[in-house]
């Protein structure tokens, strides 16, 4: 019997929550993927916020999730709520029968993350987490290069202010491989006064206090992760450096630049073994003058693996019909499609709830170690004894 050639029906999706990203990020992304998903409804706790979001996105709005499920029959829920409510609303969505894409972190307490994962497992539901940092194009080409074997084994991975908390942990862990098992964390957290200056996020000038977080993560196979973050790292002219690094058996990689204006400096040994050889990273666009991103191509200089390529999964289907998303939008759309693919095919999301929980656990362990005077903390943490 020949396989069916009937087109796949879009998966019905509801947005659960009315946080800002529901309107400016998730709504437009869902609408830009009509062959994959169909946005059918939104839910909010309050009438005014739910109505505002529904009218903005042109779909029915609800304050009763059971009624939403009954009347619009979504299969996936994109949970986007106030920061503190992630765990509570994520669990509610799963208990109502939805496969879910959860905002970061999966939950603030490990016990809440466990409750979501247990509820999903009992119902046969998929959970993905919108951890987009390692899914951005420049991170994806680095992961492709590492997977090619050109760098050999990655020994030490750094988050050099590339992202706060779980975001930075996800980038750090991605270079080692998401199968790497952290076993011990040592942390140091300090607060300092800074000279008065402008905060872009607050839109104001004045005195600021900085909290620096530093952590050493030891993995079961002897490899290391080194984590650095400052809470003013996104919007202070005093803290402009945002980077990530890895040190590998046959080379290294480092992000250099100011803020988001960065380039990747990736190097291998030159023939003869006495000098370095830089890899050239090229972005390829839909048109010679720009448009949508089609691919990122690494020219390695290695005769056996001369080119390593990452293709934008949302590249144009035809010239002039591409979505000119920026890197973060590509990363978030990839999170969504990871869940869609898992729901359709029965497999698991590419990042998933367990890794999201682990990345959050690493950050909690850094803070716990700091509270204990820099004493090493063994993993896994006891969710019942979580103090931060």
Protein backbone atom coordinates (compact mmCIF):
# COMPACT_ATOMS: atom_id res chain seq x y z
CA UNK A 1 0.00 0.00 0.00
CA UNK A 2 1.45 3.37 -0.96
CA UNK A 3 1.83 6.01 1.77
CA UNK A 4 -0.78 8.75 1.86
CA UNK A 5 0.08 11.96 0.06
CA UNK A 6 -2.64 13.94 1.85
CA UNK A 7 -1.36 17.19 3.39
CA UNK A 8 -0.76 17.18 7.14
CA UNK A 9 -3.37 19.17 9.00
CA UNK A 10 -2.07 22.07 11.11
CA UNK A 11 -2.01 21.35 14.85
CA UNK A 12 -4.46 23.46 16.83
CA UNK A 13 -2.75 25.72 19.38
CA UNK A 14 -3.96 27.93 22.22
CA UNK A 15 -1.91 30.58 23.99
CA UNK A 16 -2.32 30.13 27.75
CA UNK A 17 -1.45 33.44 29.38
CA UNK A 18 -1.31 37.08 28.44
CA UNK A 19 2.28 38.07 29.22
CA UNK A 20 3.88 40.45 26.72
CA UNK A 21 5.54 37.73 24.62
CA UNK A 22 2.11 36.21 23.94
CA UNK A 23 1.28 39.16 21.70
CA UNK A 24 4.58 40.33 20.20
CA UNK A 25 6.36 36.97 19.91
CA UNK A 26 4.18 33.85 20.05
CA UNK A 27 1.14 35.20 18.22
CA UNK A 28 3.07 36.39 15.13
CA UNK A 29 5.20 33.23 15.02
CA UNK A 30 2.14 30.97 15.17
CA UNK A 31 0.45 32.96 12.41
CA UNK A 32 3.56 32.79 10.24
CA UNK A 33 3.48 28.96 10.23
CA UNK A 34 0.03 28.20 8.75
CA UNK A 35 1.12 24.84 7.32
CA UNK A 36 2.20 23.64 10.77
CA UNK A 37 -0.05 25.22 13.39
CA UNK A 38 -3.33 27.06 13.75
CA UNK A 39 -3.87 29.51 16.59
CA UNK A 40 -7.44 28.90 17.76
CA UNK A 41 -7.80 30.69 21.11
CA UNK A 42 -6.16 32.54 23.99
CA UNK A 43 -6.70 32.29 27.74
CA UNK A 44 -6.06 34.78 30.51
CA UNK A 45 -6.94 35.08 34.19
CA UNK A 46 -8.46 38.52 33.79
CA UNK A 47 -11.24 39.54 31.41
CA UNK A 48 -9.54 42.73 30.23
CA UNK A 49 -6.15 41.15 29.45
CA UNK A 50 -7.69 38.06 27.79
CA UNK A 51 -9.98 40.22 25.63
CA UNK A 52 -7.14 42.54 24.66
CA UNK A 53 -4.92 39.64 23.55
CA UNK A 54 -7.73 37.84 21.71
CA UNK A 55 -8.69 40.96 19.79
CA UNK A 56 -5.05 41.73 18.97
CA UNK A 57 -4.51 38.25 17.53
CA UNK A 58 -7.98 37.88 16.00
CA UNK A 59 -9.03 34.71 17.87
CA UNK A 60 -11.58 33.84 20.57
CA UNK A 61 -10.55 34.68 24.14
CA UNK A 62 -11.43 32.90 27.36
CA UNK A 63 -10.99 33.14 31.12
CA UNK A 64 -12.25 29.56 31.60
CA UNK A 65 -9.70 27.02 30.37
CA UNK A 66 -12.16 24.11 30.46
CA UNK A 67 -14.53 26.01 28.19
CA UNK A 68 -11.65 26.90 25.86
CA UNK A 69 -10.71 23.23 25.60
CA UNK A 70 -14.29 22.16 24.94
CA UNK A 71 -15.11 24.81 22.34
CA UNK A 72 -11.83 25.15 20.40
CA UNK A 73 -10.15 21.72 20.92
CA UNK A 74 -6.47 22.70 20.89
CA UNK A 75 -3.77 20.03 21.24
CA UNK A 76 -0.88 22.33 22.19
CA UNK A 77 -0.78 25.12 24.74
CA UNK A 78 1.87 27.83 24.61
CA UNK A 79 2.14 28.90 28.25
CA UNK A 80 3.22 32.53 28.58
CA UNK A 81 2.39 34.09 31.94
CA UNK A 82 3.87 36.37 34.57
CA UNK A 83 7.37 35.18 35.56
CA UNK A 84 6.38 33.84 38.98
CA UNK A 85 3.42 31.83 37.64
CA UNK A 86 5.29 29.50 35.23
CA UNK A 87 5.04 26.38 37.37
CA UNK A 88 1.44 26.88 38.47
CA UNK A 89 -0.05 27.63 35.05
CA UNK A 90 2.16 25.10 33.28
CA UNK A 91 0.77 22.36 35.52
CA UNK A 92 -2.78 23.61 34.98
CA UNK A 93 -2.37 23.43 31.20
CA UNK A 94 -1.03 19.87 31.35
CA UNK A 95 -3.83 18.80 33.69
CA UNK A 96 -6.31 20.08 31.10
CA UNK A 97 -4.80 17.72 28.53
CA UNK A 98 -2.48 20.00 26.56
CA UNK A 99 0.96 19.26 25.21
CA UNK A 100 2.81 22.39 26.34
CA UNK A 101 5.54 24.79 25.35
CA UNK A 102 6.54 26.42 28.62
CA UNK A 103 8.32 29.73 29.09
CA UNK A 104 11.64 29.76 30.95
CA UNK A 105 12.33 28.64 33.57
CA UNK A 106 10.22 25.50 33.53
CA UNK A 107 9.45 26.37 37.17
CA UNK A 108 11.16 28.30 39.93
CA UNK A 109 11.09 25.37 42.34
CA UNK A 110 12.29 21.92 41.35
CA UNK A 111 9.23 20.34 42.98
CA UNK A 112 6.99 22.34 40.65
CA UNK A 113 8.98 21.14 37.64
CA UNK A 114 8.65 17.55 38.88
CA UNK A 115 4.89 17.96 39.23
CA UNK A 116 4.60 19.16 35.61
CA UNK A 117 6.76 16.31 34.31
CA UNK A 118 4.88 13.68 36.36
CA UNK A 119 1.48 14.98 35.23
CA UNK A 120 2.58 14.97 31.59
CA UNK A 121 4.00 11.45 31.83
CA UNK A 122 0.77 10.09 33.32
CA UNK A 123 -1.24 11.60 30.46
CA UNK A 124 1.17 10.77 27.66
CA UNK A 125 1.77 14.46 26.91
CA UNK A 126 4.87 16.21 25.58
CA UNK A 127 6.60 19.12 27.32
CA UNK A 128 9.04 21.47 25.62
CA UNK A 129 10.58 24.59 27.14
CA UNK A 130 11.19 27.80 25.21
CA UNK A 131 14.95 27.85 25.81
CA UNK A 132 16.02 29.61 22.64
CA UNK A 133 19.60 30.72 23.38
CA UNK A 134 21.32 27.57 22.11
CA UNK A 135 18.90 27.48 19.16
CA UNK A 136 20.00 30.82 17.69
CA UNK A 137 21.78 30.49 14.32
CA UNK A 138 25.31 31.29 15.53
CA UNK A 139 24.98 28.80 18.36
CA UNK A 140 23.58 26.18 15.99
CA UNK A 141 26.55 26.41 13.62
CA UNK A 142 28.91 25.91 16.57
CA UNK A 143 26.98 22.83 17.66
CA UNK A 144 27.11 21.49 14.09
CA UNK A 145 30.88 22.03 14.04
CA UNK A 146 31.31 20.25 17.37
CA UNK A 147 29.13 17.37 16.15
CA UNK A 148 31.27 17.06 13.01
CA UNK A 149 34.20 15.91 15.15
CA UNK A 150 36.56 18.64 13.92
CA UNK A 151 37.12 19.92 17.46
CA UNK A 152 37.38 16.51 19.06
CA UNK A 153 36.15 16.35 22.62
CA UNK A 154 35.04 19.57 24.35
CA UNK A 155 36.68 19.67 27.77
CA UNK A 156 35.59 22.99 29.29
CA UNK A 157 32.58 25.14 28.49
CA UNK A 158 31.98 28.74 29.61
CA UNK A 159 29.03 31.04 29.94
CA UNK A 160 30.81 34.41 29.85
CA UNK A 161 27.76 36.59 30.52
CA UNK A 162 26.02 35.23 27.39
CA UNK A 163 22.78 34.82 29.33
CA UNK A 164 21.39 34.86 32.84
CA UNK A 165 20.56 31.79 34.91
CA UNK A 166 19.13 28.83 33.02
CA UNK A 167 19.78 30.58 29.66
CA UNK A 168 23.50 30.70 30.34
CA UNK A 169 23.46 27.16 31.72
CA UNK A 170 21.80 25.87 28.55
CA UNK A 171 24.49 27.40 26.32
CA UNK A 172 27.22 26.03 28.57
CA UNK A 173 25.73 22.52 28.63
CA UNK A 174 25.05 22.49 24.88
CA UNK A 175 28.78 22.56 24.06
CA UNK A 176 29.44 19.58 26.33
CA UNK A 177 26.33 17.78 25.07
CA UNK A 178 22.98 17.58 26.79
CA UNK A 179 23.85 14.04 27.89
CA UNK A 180 26.63 15.39 30.15
CA UNK A 181 25.84 14.77 33.84
CA UNK A 182 26.73 17.50 36.37
CA UNK A 183 27.64 16.10 39.79
CA UNK A 184 28.99 19.02 41.84
CA UNK A 185 28.62 22.81 41.83
CA UNK A 186 30.62 25.48 43.65
CA UNK A 187 29.24 28.99 43.62
CA UNK A 188 30.15 32.53 44.60
CA UNK A 189 27.62 35.37 44.58
CA UNK A 190 28.49 38.98 45.48
CA UNK A 191 26.75 42.36 45.42
CA UNK A 192 28.50 45.61 44.50
CA UNK A 193 27.54 49.28 44.15
CA UNK A 194 28.06 50.80 40.71
CA UNK A 195 28.52 54.36 39.52
CA UNK A 196 25.19 55.96 38.57
CA UNK A 197 24.34 55.38 34.92
CA UNK A 198 21.48 54.78 32.49
CA UNK A 199 19.49 51.55 32.53
CA UNK A 200 17.99 50.81 29.12
CA UNK A 201 15.43 48.39 30.54
CA UNK A 202 14.27 50.79 33.27
CA UNK A 203 14.59 53.83 31.02
CA UNK A 204 16.15 55.81 33.87
CA UNK A 205 19.50 57.06 35.16
CA UNK A 206 20.60 56.59 38.75
CA UNK A 207 22.59 54.50 41.22
CA UNK A 208 22.66 50.78 40.53
CA UNK A 209 23.55 47.69 42.50
CA UNK A 210 25.14 44.75 40.72
CA UNK A 211 24.87 41.08 41.70
CA UNK A 212 27.56 38.88 40.19
CA UNK A 213 27.11 35.09 40.04
CA UNK A 214 30.05 32.77 39.38
CA UNK A 215 29.97 28.99 39.36
CA UNK A 216 32.18 25.97 38.74
CA UNK A 217 30.24 22.94 37.52
CA UNK A 218 31.97 19.56 37.58
CA UNK A 219 30.63 16.78 35.38
CA UNK A 220 30.70 13.03 35.96
CA UNK A 221 33.30 12.44 33.22
CA UNK A 222 35.73 15.03 34.59
CA UNK A 223 34.78 17.88 32.25
CA UNK A 224 34.03 21.39 33.52
CA UNK A 225 31.52 24.18 33.11
CA UNK A 226 32.33 27.73 34.20
CA UNK A 227 29.46 30.16 34.65
CA UNK A 228 29.62 33.96 34.92
CA UNK A 229 26.72 36.40 35.06
CA UNK A 230 25.88 39.90 36.28
CA UNK A 231 22.32 41.08 36.75
CA UNK A 232 23.09 44.30 34.85
CA UNK A 233 24.51 42.36 31.91
CA UNK A 234 21.64 43.12 29.53
CA UNK A 235 21.43 46.88 29.87
CA UNK A 236 24.49 48.50 31.41
CA UNK A 237 27.25 50.34 29.54
CA UNK A 238 29.55 49.23 32.36
CA UNK A 239 29.02 45.53 31.52
CA UNK A 240 29.08 45.26 27.73
CA UNK A 241 30.71 41.83 27.38
CA UNK A 242 28.39 38.94 26.46
CA UNK A 243 30.14 35.84 25.24
CA UNK A 244 30.49 32.09 25.46
CA UNK A 245 33.53 29.84 25.01
CA UNK A 246 34.59 26.26 24.72
CA UNK A 247 38.01 24.64 24.96
CA UNK A 248 38.30 21.40 23.00
CA UNK A 249 40.82 18.70 22.18
CA UNK A 250 41.63 20.12 18.74
CA UNK A 251 40.68 23.79 18.99
CA UNK A 252 38.50 26.36 20.69
CA UNK A 253 35.67 28.79 20.10
CA UNK A 254 34.94 32.20 21.57
CA UNK A 255 32.32 34.85 20.91
CA UNK A 256 33.82 38.34 20.67
CA UNK A 257 32.17 41.73 20.37
CA UNK A 258 30.05 44.27 22.19
CA UNK A 259 26.50 43.47 23.25
CA UNK A 260 24.74 41.60 20.46
CA UNK A 261 27.16 42.85 17.79
CA UNK A 262 29.34 39.76 17.90
CA UNK A 263 31.27 37.34 15.75
CA UNK A 264 32.43 33.80 16.31
CA UNK A 265 36.19 33.21 16.51
CA UNK A 266 36.57 29.48 15.96
CA UNK A 267 40.00 27.93 15.50
CA UNK A 268 41.62 24.59 14.72
CA UNK A 269 45.25 23.59 14.26
CA UNK A 270 46.86 24.62 11.01
CA UNK A 271 48.67 21.92 8.98
CA UNK A 272 51.98 21.19 10.68
CA UNK A 273 50.56 21.67 14.14
CA UNK A 274 52.42 24.89 14.91
CA UNK A 275 49.76 27.56 14.38
CA UNK A 276 46.04 28.13 14.56
CA UNK A 277 43.67 28.21 11.60
CA UNK A 278 40.50 30.26 11.88
CA UNK A 279 37.17 28.98 10.57
CA UNK A 280 35.27 31.48 8.41
CA UNK A 281 31.58 31.78 9.31
CA UNK A 282 29.30 33.16 6.60
CA UNK A 283 25.64 34.12 6.73
CA UNK A 284 23.73 33.53 3.50
CA UNK A 285 20.67 35.64 2.84
CA UNK A 286 17.61 35.30 0.62
CA UNK A 287 18.84 38.13 -1.61
CA UNK A 288 22.18 39.80 -2.21
CA UNK A 289 20.84 42.86 -0.39
CA UNK A 290 19.36 41.00 2.57
CA UNK A 291 15.95 39.49 3.24
CA UNK A 292 15.44 36.29 5.21
CA UNK A 293 18.36 34.25 6.51
CA UNK A 294 18.83 31.08 4.45
CA UNK A 295 21.82 29.44 6.12
CA UNK A 296 24.98 29.84 8.16
CA UNK A 297 27.99 28.21 6.55
CA UNK A 298 31.34 27.45 8.19
CA UNK A 299 34.38 27.15 5.90
CA UNK A 300 36.75 25.05 7.97
CA UNK A 301 39.89 24.76 5.87
CA UNK A 302 39.89 21.03 6.60
CA UNK A 303 40.15 18.95 3.38
CA UNK A 304 38.02 16.12 4.83
CA UNK A 305 35.25 18.38 6.19
CA UNK A 306 35.65 21.63 4.26
CA UNK A 307 32.14 22.95 4.85
CA UNK A 308 29.71 22.61 7.74
CA UNK A 309 26.26 24.10 7.15
CA UNK A 310 23.21 24.98 9.22
CA UNK A 311 20.07 25.65 7.19
CA UNK A 312 17.46 27.94 8.63
CA UNK A 313 14.37 25.70 9.03
CA UNK A 314 12.23 28.78 8.34
CA UNK A 315 14.09 29.83 5.19
CA UNK A 316 12.05 31.00 2.20
CA UNK A 317 9.92 28.42 0.38
CA UNK A 318 10.27 30.65 -2.69
CA UNK A 319 12.21 33.81 -3.45
CA UNK A 320 10.52 36.83 -1.96
CA UNK A 321 8.36 34.74 0.39
CA UNK A 322 10.74 34.36 3.32
CA UNK A 323 10.08 35.49 6.88
CA UNK A 324 12.90 37.91 7.79
CA UNK A 325 13.02 36.83 11.42
CA UNK A 326 15.89 37.90 13.61
CA UNK A 327 17.98 35.30 15.43
CA UNK A 328 15.87 35.25 18.59
CA UNK A 329 12.64 34.73 16.65
CA UNK A 330 14.28 31.84 14.78
CA UNK A 331 15.28 30.34 18.13
CA UNK A 332 11.78 30.65 19.60
CA UNK A 333 10.13 29.27 16.45
CA UNK A 334 12.52 26.30 16.68
CA UNK A 335 11.30 25.65 20.23
CA UNK A 336 7.73 25.55 18.96
CA UNK A 337 8.55 23.26 16.05
CA UNK A 338 10.44 20.90 18.36
CA UNK A 339 7.18 20.34 20.22
CA UNK A 340 5.06 20.12 17.03
CA UNK A 341 7.40 17.48 15.61
CA UNK A 342 7.31 15.47 18.85
CA UNK A 343 3.51 15.59 19.01
CA UNK A 344 3.18 14.51 15.37
CA UNK A 345 5.84 11.81 15.43
CA UNK A 346 5.59 10.48 18.96
CA UNK A 347 9.23 11.22 19.79
CA UNK A 348 10.65 13.59 22.36
CA UNK A 349 11.35 17.33 22.05
CA UNK A 350 14.98 18.19 21.29
CA UNK A 351 15.55 20.07 24.57
CA UNK A 352 12.72 19.02 26.84
CA UNK A 353 11.56 19.31 30.41
CA UNK A 354 14.31 17.21 32.00
CA UNK A 355 17.13 19.35 30.54
CA UNK A 356 15.25 22.54 31.41
CA UNK A 357 14.92 21.32 35.00
CA UNK A 358 18.63 20.44 35.09
CA UNK A 359 19.70 23.86 33.80
CA UNK A 360 17.59 25.51 36.50
CA UNK A 361 19.01 23.09 39.10
CA UNK A 362 22.58 24.14 38.21
CA UNK A 363 21.73 27.80 38.87
CA UNK A 364 19.98 26.97 42.15
CA UNK A 365 23.04 24.96 43.20
CA UNK A 366 25.36 27.93 42.46
CA UNK A 367 23.24 30.12 44.73
CA UNK A 368 22.94 27.47 47.43
CA UNK A 369 26.72 26.95 47.44
CA UNK A 370 27.23 30.70 47.81
CA UNK A 371 24.82 30.80 50.76
CA UNK A 372 26.86 28.02 52.36
CA UNK A 373 30.08 30.01 52.12
CA UNK A 374 31.27 28.55 48.82
CA UNK A 375 31.05 24.93 49.92
CA UNK A 376 30.63 22.48 47.01
CA UNK A 377 27.07 21.24 46.56
CA UNK A 378 26.44 17.76 45.24
CA UNK A 379 23.82 17.10 42.59
CA UNK A 380 21.03 16.18 42.35
CA UNK A 381 19.52 18.63 44.81
CA UNK A 382 16.73 17.47 47.10
CA UNK A 383 13.58 19.29 45.86
CA UNK A 384 12.08 19.08 49.35
CA UNK A 385 15.11 20.84 50.82
CA UNK A 386 15.40 23.57 48.17
CA UNK A 387 16.20 26.86 49.90
CA UNK A 388 16.70 29.27 46.95
